[in-house]
Amino acid sequence: MRAAVLSEAGADFEVVDREIPEPSAGEVRVAVDACGVCHSDAFVKNGTYPGVSYPRVPGHEIAGRVDAVGADVTAWSAGDRVGAGWHGGHCFECEACRRGDFQQCDNAGITGLTQDGGYAEYATVPSEALAAIPEDLNAVDAAPLLCAGVTTFNALRNTDARPGDLVAVQGVGGLGHLGVQYAHAAGFETVAISTSPDKESLARELGADHFVDAGSEDAAGRLQELGGADVVLATAPSSDAIADIVAGLGTDGSVVAVGVPGEDVAVDAGYLVGVRGAVEGWASGDARDSQDTLEFSSLREISPEVETFDLSEVEAAYERMIENEARFRAVLEP
């Protein structure tokens, strides 16, 4: 098989021929139809995440078909359409797993980071880390939903927001353009916030009821004019933007960060006390969360905007992603 490999931290991608891996007990071999290129792949490219070892095949947005199953696998059969995201399996034994909180497993694997991922024609994945892909959802669309999709969908559904509540999505990019769609489909009064005024037409097409140009107006003030946000989904990795939007919260509102800035966020604790507000974070989900995301996306016809690349173009795909030039998700088709 062909695989895009990083030999060490900081190295360029090398597309090489490798033996097709055999699934171990409890694993499934997936024939990869598509794999998204995510900003978190920089952890592997640069060696900045604990536990990464080399050589490594990155890629944690895998959509494909079951090609073979290892011993003791009963949940999946050859030909099943499946996906794998960041969550690369769990131990079933730690305190979090015993409570069913597999996302917080102390010993969780990470697809494409602690184990080889989907920048290849085949990948082996623990059985419990797979999600079923609906038949009417194509692989190229499904792949980004296994990261950007589950992150925004799962974050929103775990807030206290209810249909009709004012929910703002800060940033209309790789995460935000999906967040706007999920917020609209969930019945929220949806506000898209962006510093790029040229994204207004797209945001409204995606379901935004309001658009705020944060480059020319006070976004927090505009949210207050609309009654105060119940939730702000912060997808743009800007500490200043997150700090500034806190003043747009209404009573019991929360800013939920899913885009991680490189600097600390300075929060006005006094304002939070006054509105009983919060600033919190959310990190994707486990395989069942991914499957819920895929099923909801199929039900409501939610899809990402993507650019596709052959595996041989992996370096170009990665660079377009890392420079924020891709609109909005880069996807490899091995």
Protein backbone atom coordinates (compact mmCIF):
# COMPACT_ATOMS: atom_id res chain seq x y z
CA MET A 1 0.00 0.00 0.00
CA ARG A 2 0.95 3.66 -0.31
CA ALA A 3 1.38 5.60 2.91
CA ALA A 4 2.46 9.15 3.75
CA VAL A 5 5.01 8.81 6.54
CA LEU A 6 6.81 11.23 8.85
CA SER A 7 10.19 9.74 9.74
CA GLU A 8 10.82 12.21 12.57
CA ALA A 9 9.57 15.47 14.04
CA GLY A 10 9.92 18.30 11.55
CA ALA A 11 10.44 16.01 8.57
CA ASP A 12 8.69 16.33 5.23
CA PHE A 13 6.08 13.76 4.28
CA GLU A 14 7.37 10.77 2.33
CA VAL A 15 4.93 8.72 0.28
CA VAL A 16 6.30 5.19 0.49
CA ASP A 17 5.27 1.61 -0.23
CA ARG A 18 4.50 -0.40 2.91
CA GLU A 19 3.16 -3.82 3.68
CA ILE A 20 -0.60 -3.80 4.22
CA PRO A 21 -1.02 -4.16 8.01
CA GLU A 22 -2.75 -7.15 9.55
CA PRO A 23 -5.37 -6.40 12.22
CA SER A 24 -4.53 -7.69 15.68
CA ALA A 25 -7.12 -9.16 18.03
CA GLY A 26 -9.81 -6.55 18.66
CA GLU A 27 -8.81 -4.50 15.61
CA VAL A 28 -10.35 -3.85 12.21
CA ARG A 29 -8.48 -3.11 8.99
CA VAL A 30 -10.03 -0.22 7.09
CA ALA A 31 -9.56 0.41 3.39
CA VAL A 32 -9.30 4.20 3.43
CA ASP A 33 -11.50 6.05 0.93
CA ALA A 34 -10.81 9.52 2.38
CA CYS A 35 -8.88 11.09 5.22
CA GLY A 36 -9.14 14.67 6.34
CA VAL A 37 -6.12 16.88 6.98
CA CYS A 38 -6.53 18.63 10.33
CA HIS A 39 -4.65 21.38 12.15
CA SER A 40 -4.06 18.89 14.98
CA ASP A 41 -1.88 16.89 12.57
CA ALA A 42 0.73 19.56 13.33
CA PHE A 43 1.25 17.74 16.65
CA VAL A 44 2.68 14.84 14.66
CA LYS A 45 4.47 16.94 12.06
CA ASN A 46 6.26 18.96 14.74
CA GLY A 47 6.52 16.35 17.50
CA THR A 48 4.78 18.57 20.04
CA TYR A 49 2.40 16.05 21.63
CA PRO A 50 3.41 13.66 24.42
CA GLY A 51 3.42 10.05 23.31
CA VAL A 52 4.06 10.52 19.60
CA SER A 53 6.75 8.21 18.18
CA TYR A 54 8.22 7.79 14.71
CA PRO A 55 7.96 6.75 11.98
CA ARG A 56 4.29 7.69 12.02
CA VAL A 57 1.43 7.85 9.51
CA PRO A 58 -0.80 10.81 10.56
CA GLY A 59 -4.51 11.26 9.94
CA HIS A 60 -7.44 11.05 12.35
CA GLU A 61 -10.36 11.75 9.98
CA ILE A 62 -10.66 8.32 8.34
CA ALA A 63 -13.63 7.27 6.21
CA GLY A 64 -13.58 3.92 4.47
CA ARG A 65 -14.74 0.30 4.42
CA VAL A 66 -13.96 -2.67 6.64
CA ASP A 67 -11.46 -4.79 4.73
CA ALA A 68 -10.67 -7.40 7.39
CA VAL A 69 -11.39 -8.04 11.06
CA GLY A 70 -9.09 -9.40 13.74
CA ALA A 71 -9.87 -12.10 16.27
CA ASP A 72 -12.68 -11.40 18.75
CA VAL A 73 -14.26 -8.66 16.61
CA THR A 74 -18.02 -9.16 16.35
CA ALA A 75 -19.33 -5.62 15.85
CA TRP A 76 -18.07 -5.18 12.28
CA SER A 77 -17.96 -7.22 9.08
CA ALA A 78 -16.13 -6.90 5.78
CA GLY A 79 -17.75 -4.25 3.60
CA ASP A 80 -19.17 -2.14 6.43
CA ARG A 81 -18.72 1.61 5.90
CA VAL A 82 -16.87 3.00 8.92
CA GLY A 83 -15.04 6.05 10.17
CA ALA A 84 -12.41 6.73 12.82
CA GLY A 85 -11.68 10.03 14.52
CA TRP A 86 -9.24 11.43 17.09
CA HIS A 87 -10.42 8.97 19.75
CA GLY A 88 -8.38 5.88 18.94
CA GLY A 89 -9.70 3.40 21.48
CA HIS A 90 -9.94 3.06 25.25
CA CYS A 91 -8.84 0.66 27.97
CA PHE A 92 -12.27 -0.18 29.50
CA GLU A 93 -10.53 -0.38 32.92
CA CYS A 94 -9.65 3.13 34.19
CA GLU A 95 -12.05 5.13 36.36
CA ALA A 96 -13.39 7.14 33.41
CA CYS A 97 -14.03 4.01 31.34
CA ARG A 98 -15.73 2.26 34.25
CA ARG A 99 -18.13 5.21 34.34
CA GLY A 100 -18.67 5.01 30.58
CA ASP A 101 -16.81 8.27 29.86
CA PHE A 102 -14.59 6.78 27.16
CA GLN A 103 -13.55 10.17 25.82
CA GLN A 104 -11.68 10.81 29.08
CA CYS A 105 -9.96 7.41 29.22
CA ASP A 106 -6.61 7.65 31.01
CA ASN A 107 -5.05 5.32 28.44
CA ALA A 108 -6.85 6.36 25.27
CA GLY A 109 -5.17 5.91 21.93
CA ILE A 110 -5.10 8.73 19.39
CA THR A 111 -5.61 7.88 15.75
CA GLY A 112 -2.68 9.05 13.64
CA LEU A 113 -0.65 10.04 16.69
CA THR A 114 -0.09 7.16 19.09
CA GLN A 115 -1.00 4.71 16.31
CA ASP A 116 -0.82 4.97 12.52
CA GLY A 117 -3.67 6.85 10.90
CA GLY A 118 -5.36 7.44 7.58
CA TYR A 119 -2.74 9.09 5.38
CA ALA A 120 -2.53 5.67 3.73
CA GLU A 121 -4.54 3.21 1.67
CA TYR A 122 -5.18 1.00 4.72
CA ALA A 123 -5.24 1.53 8.48
CA THR A 124 -5.87 -0.73 11.46
CA VAL A 125 -8.21 0.66 14.12
CA PRO A 126 -9.46 -0.74 17.45
CA SER A 127 -13.00 -2.01 17.00
CA GLU A 128 -14.40 0.28 19.72
CA ALA A 129 -13.00 3.36 17.96
CA LEU A 130 -15.11 2.93 14.81
CA ALA A 131 -18.34 4.70 13.84
CA ALA A 132 -20.79 3.50 11.20
CA ILE A 133 -21.15 5.85 8.21
CA PRO A 134 -24.67 6.24 6.76
CA GLU A 135 -24.98 4.92 3.22
CA ASP A 136 -26.05 8.27 1.75
CA LEU A 137 -23.02 10.14 3.13
CA ASN A 138 -20.02 10.04 0.82
CA ALA A 139 -16.58 9.39 2.24
CA VAL A 140 -15.09 12.78 1.34
CA ASP A 141 -17.86 14.56 3.26
CA ALA A 142 -17.78 12.08 6.14
CA ALA A 143 -14.06 12.41 6.86
CA PRO A 144 -14.05 16.00 8.25
CA LEU A 145 -17.23 15.27 10.21
CA LEU A 146 -15.17 12.81 12.26
CA CYS A 147 -13.20 15.73 13.73
CA ALA A 148 -14.53 19.21 12.98
CA GLY A 149 -18.05 17.82 12.80
CA VAL A 150 -18.13 15.85 16.04
CA THR A 151 -16.28 18.65 17.86
CA THR A 152 -18.87 21.32 17.03
CA PHE A 153 -21.95 19.07 17.09
CA ASN A 154 -21.02 17.43 20.37
CA ALA A 155 -20.03 20.71 22.00
CA LEU A 156 -23.36 22.32 21.13
CA ARG A 157 -25.50 19.40 22.23
CA ASN A 158 -23.76 19.27 25.60
CA THR A 159 -24.61 22.88 26.43
CA ASP A 160 -27.82 23.95 28.16
CA ALA A 161 -29.07 25.75 25.02
CA ARG A 162 -32.58 24.94 23.85
CA PRO A 163 -34.40 25.59 20.56
CA GLY A 164 -34.98 29.31 20.17
CA ASP A 165 -32.01 30.30 22.35
CA LEU A 166 -29.43 32.73 20.99
CA VAL A 167 -26.32 30.80 19.97
CA ALA A 168 -23.35 32.51 18.34
CA VAL A 169 -20.61 30.80 16.37
CA GLN A 170 -17.39 32.77 16.51
CA GLY A 171 -15.42 32.16 13.33
CA VAL A 172 -16.68 30.88 9.97
CA GLY A 173 -13.86 28.53 9.01
CA GLY A 174 -13.09 24.84 9.18
CA LEU A 175 -14.95 24.38 12.48
CA GLY A 176 -17.28 27.34 12.35
CA HIS A 177 -18.91 26.66 8.99
CA LEU A 178 -20.09 23.34 10.43
CA GLY A 179 -21.02 24.89 13.77
CA VAL A 180 -23.35 27.35 12.02
CA GLN A 181 -25.09 24.47 10.22
CA TYR A 182 -25.54 22.44 13.41
CA ALA A 183 -26.79 25.44 15.38
CA HIS A 184 -29.36 26.23 12.70
CA ALA A 185 -30.47 22.60 12.39
CA ALA A 186 -30.89 22.38 16.17
CA GLY A 187 -33.36 25.26 16.12
CA PHE A 188 -31.18 27.93 17.74
CA GLU A 189 -31.35 31.59 16.77
CA THR A 190 -27.96 31.49 15.10
CA VAL A 191 -25.41 34.29 14.95
CA ALA A 192 -22.28 33.98 12.82
CA ILE A 193 -19.36 36.15 13.93
CA SER A 194 -16.39 36.71 11.64
CA THR A 195 -13.71 39.29 10.93
CA SER A 196 -14.17 38.57 7.21
CA PRO A 197 -17.22 40.46 5.91
CA ASP A 198 -17.06 38.53 2.63
CA LYS A 199 -18.23 35.44 4.52
CA GLU A 200 -21.65 36.92 5.30
CA SER A 201 -23.39 35.45 2.27
CA LEU A 202 -21.96 31.99 2.99
CA ALA A 203 -22.89 32.21 6.67
CA ARG A 204 -26.47 33.05 5.80
CA GLU A 205 -26.60 30.22 3.25
CA LEU A 206 -25.43 27.87 6.00
CA GLY A 207 -28.29 28.98 8.24
CA ALA A 208 -27.16 32.05 10.19
CA ASP A 209 -30.02 34.35 11.20
CA HIS A 210 -27.59 37.19 11.95
CA PHE A 211 -24.07 38.06 10.83
CA VAL A 212 -21.67 40.18 12.87
CA ASP A 213 -18.59 41.67 11.24
CA ALA A 214 -16.25 41.62 14.24
CA GLY A 215 -13.66 43.60 12.30
CA SER A 216 -15.86 46.69 12.10
CA GLU A 217 -18.30 46.44 15.01
CA ASP A 218 -18.37 45.43 18.66
CA ALA A 219 -19.39 41.77 18.51
CA ALA A 220 -20.18 41.54 22.23
CA GLY A 221 -22.30 44.69 22.05
CA ARG A 222 -24.21 43.32 19.07
CA LEU A 223 -24.97 40.11 20.98
CA GLN A 224 -26.30 42.19 23.86
CA GLU A 225 -28.56 44.07 21.42
CA LEU A 226 -29.94 40.67 20.41
CA GLY A 227 -30.64 39.84 24.06
CA GLY A 228 -27.36 38.28 25.19
CA ALA A 229 -25.97 34.97 24.01
CA ASP A 230 -26.91 31.75 25.74
CA VAL A 231 -23.90 30.08 24.11
CA VAL A 232 -20.95 31.30 22.11
CA LEU A 233 -19.16 28.50 20.29
CA ALA A 234 -15.62 29.85 19.93
CA THR A 235 -14.07 28.16 16.91
CA ALA A 236 -11.47 30.79 16.01
CA PRO A 237 -8.16 30.12 17.84
CA SER A 238 -7.75 33.69 19.07
CA SER A 239 -7.34 34.43 22.78
CA ASP A 240 -8.29 38.09 22.28
CA ALA A 241 -11.46 37.18 20.39
CA ILE A 242 -12.51 34.73 23.10
CA ALA A 243 -11.79 37.25 25.87
CA ASP A 244 -13.70 40.03 24.10
CA ILE A 245 -16.82 37.97 23.40
CA VAL A 246 -17.42 37.16 27.09
CA ALA A 247 -19.22 40.52 27.44
CA GLY A 248 -21.78 39.28 24.92
CA LEU A 249 -23.12 36.58 27.23
CA GLY A 250 -26.56 36.79 28.76
CA THR A 251 -27.59 35.35 32.12
CA ASP A 252 -26.26 31.80 32.60
CA GLY A 253 -24.52 32.00 29.24
CA SER A 254 -21.28 30.25 28.38
CA VAL A 255 -18.42 30.60 25.95
CA VAL A 256 -17.44 27.13 24.76
CA ALA A 257 -13.95 27.04 23.25
CA VAL A 258 -13.29 24.36 20.63
CA GLY A 259 -10.60 26.29 18.74
CA VAL A 260 -7.49 26.35 20.94
CA PRO A 261 -5.43 29.57 20.89
CA GLY A 262 -1.72 29.52 21.51
CA GLU A 263 -1.94 32.02 24.38
CA ASP A 264 -3.82 32.18 27.67
CA VAL A 265 -7.26 33.78 27.64
CA ALA A 266 -7.75 36.75 29.98
CA VAL A 267 -11.27 36.50 31.40
CA ASP A 268 -13.26 39.24 33.15
CA ALA A 269 -14.25 37.24 36.23
CA GLY A 270 -16.39 40.10 37.49
CA TYR A 271 -18.59 39.98 34.43
CA LEU A 272 -18.90 36.21 34.68
CA VAL A 273 -19.99 36.53 38.30
CA GLY A 274 -22.58 39.12 37.33
CA VAL A 275 -24.24 36.96 34.67
CA ARG A 276 -23.49 33.57 36.27
CA GLY A 277 -21.53 32.90 33.10
CA ALA A 278 -18.74 30.53 32.20
CA VAL A 279 -15.85 30.01 29.83
CA GLU A 280 -15.28 26.33 29.16
CA GLY A 281 -13.78 23.95 26.64
CA TRP A 282 -14.91 20.91 24.72
CA ALA A 283 -12.90 18.21 22.93
CA SER A 284 -14.55 16.16 20.15
CA GLY A 285 -15.96 12.84 21.39
CA ASP A 286 -15.75 9.08 21.25
CA ALA A 287 -16.86 6.77 18.43
CA ARG A 288 -20.54 6.80 19.40
CA ASP A 289 -20.47 10.61 19.41
CA SER A 290 -18.93 10.51 15.94
CA GLN A 291 -21.66 8.18 14.73
CA ASP A 292 -24.34 10.46 16.19
CA THR A 293 -22.72 13.34 14.29
CA LEU A 294 -22.68 11.41 11.02
CA GLU A 295 -26.30 10.30 11.43
CA PHE A 296 -27.51 13.82 12.28
CA SER A 297 -25.52 15.27 9.37
CA SER A 298 -27.12 12.76 7.01
CA LEU A 299 -30.59 13.46 8.44
CA ARG A 300 -30.29 17.23 8.06
CA GLU A 301 -28.08 17.24 4.93
CA ILE A 302 -25.16 18.96 6.66
CA SER A 303 -21.84 18.71 4.86
CA PRO A 304 -18.43 20.37 4.97
CA GLU A 305 -16.87 22.44 2.21
CA VAL A 306 -13.77 20.56 1.10
CA GLU A 307 -10.79 20.55 -1.22
CA THR A 308 -9.57 17.11 -2.27
CA PHE A 309 -6.03 15.88 -2.93
CA ASP A 310 -4.38 12.65 -4.01
CA LEU A 311 -2.11 11.05 -1.43
CA SER A 312 0.88 12.08 -3.55
CA GLU A 313 -0.14 15.71 -2.91
CA VAL A 314 -0.07 15.34 0.87
CA GLU A 315 2.54 18.08 1.39
CA ALA A 316 0.47 20.58 -0.60
CA ALA A 317 -2.69 19.59 1.24
CA TYR A 318 -1.00 20.02 4.61
CA GLU A 319 0.45 23.40 3.68
CA ARG A 320 -2.91 24.73 2.44
CA MET A 321 -4.46 23.61 5.70
CA ILE A 322 -1.75 25.00 7.99
CA GLU A 323 -1.72 28.36 6.16
CA ASN A 324 -5.53 28.60 6.41
CA GLU A 325 -5.81 28.69 2.62
CA ALA A 326 -8.07 25.64 2.28
CA ARG A 327 -11.79 26.37 2.08
CA PHE A 328 -12.51 24.89 4.49
CA ARG A 329 -11.28 21.32 4.94
CA ALA A 330 -8.54 19.52 3.00
CA VAL A 331 -9.22 15.83 2.31
CA LEU A 332 -6.88 13.16 0.95
CA GLU A 333 -8.25 10.43 -1.30
CA PRO A 334 -5.74 7.57 -1.05
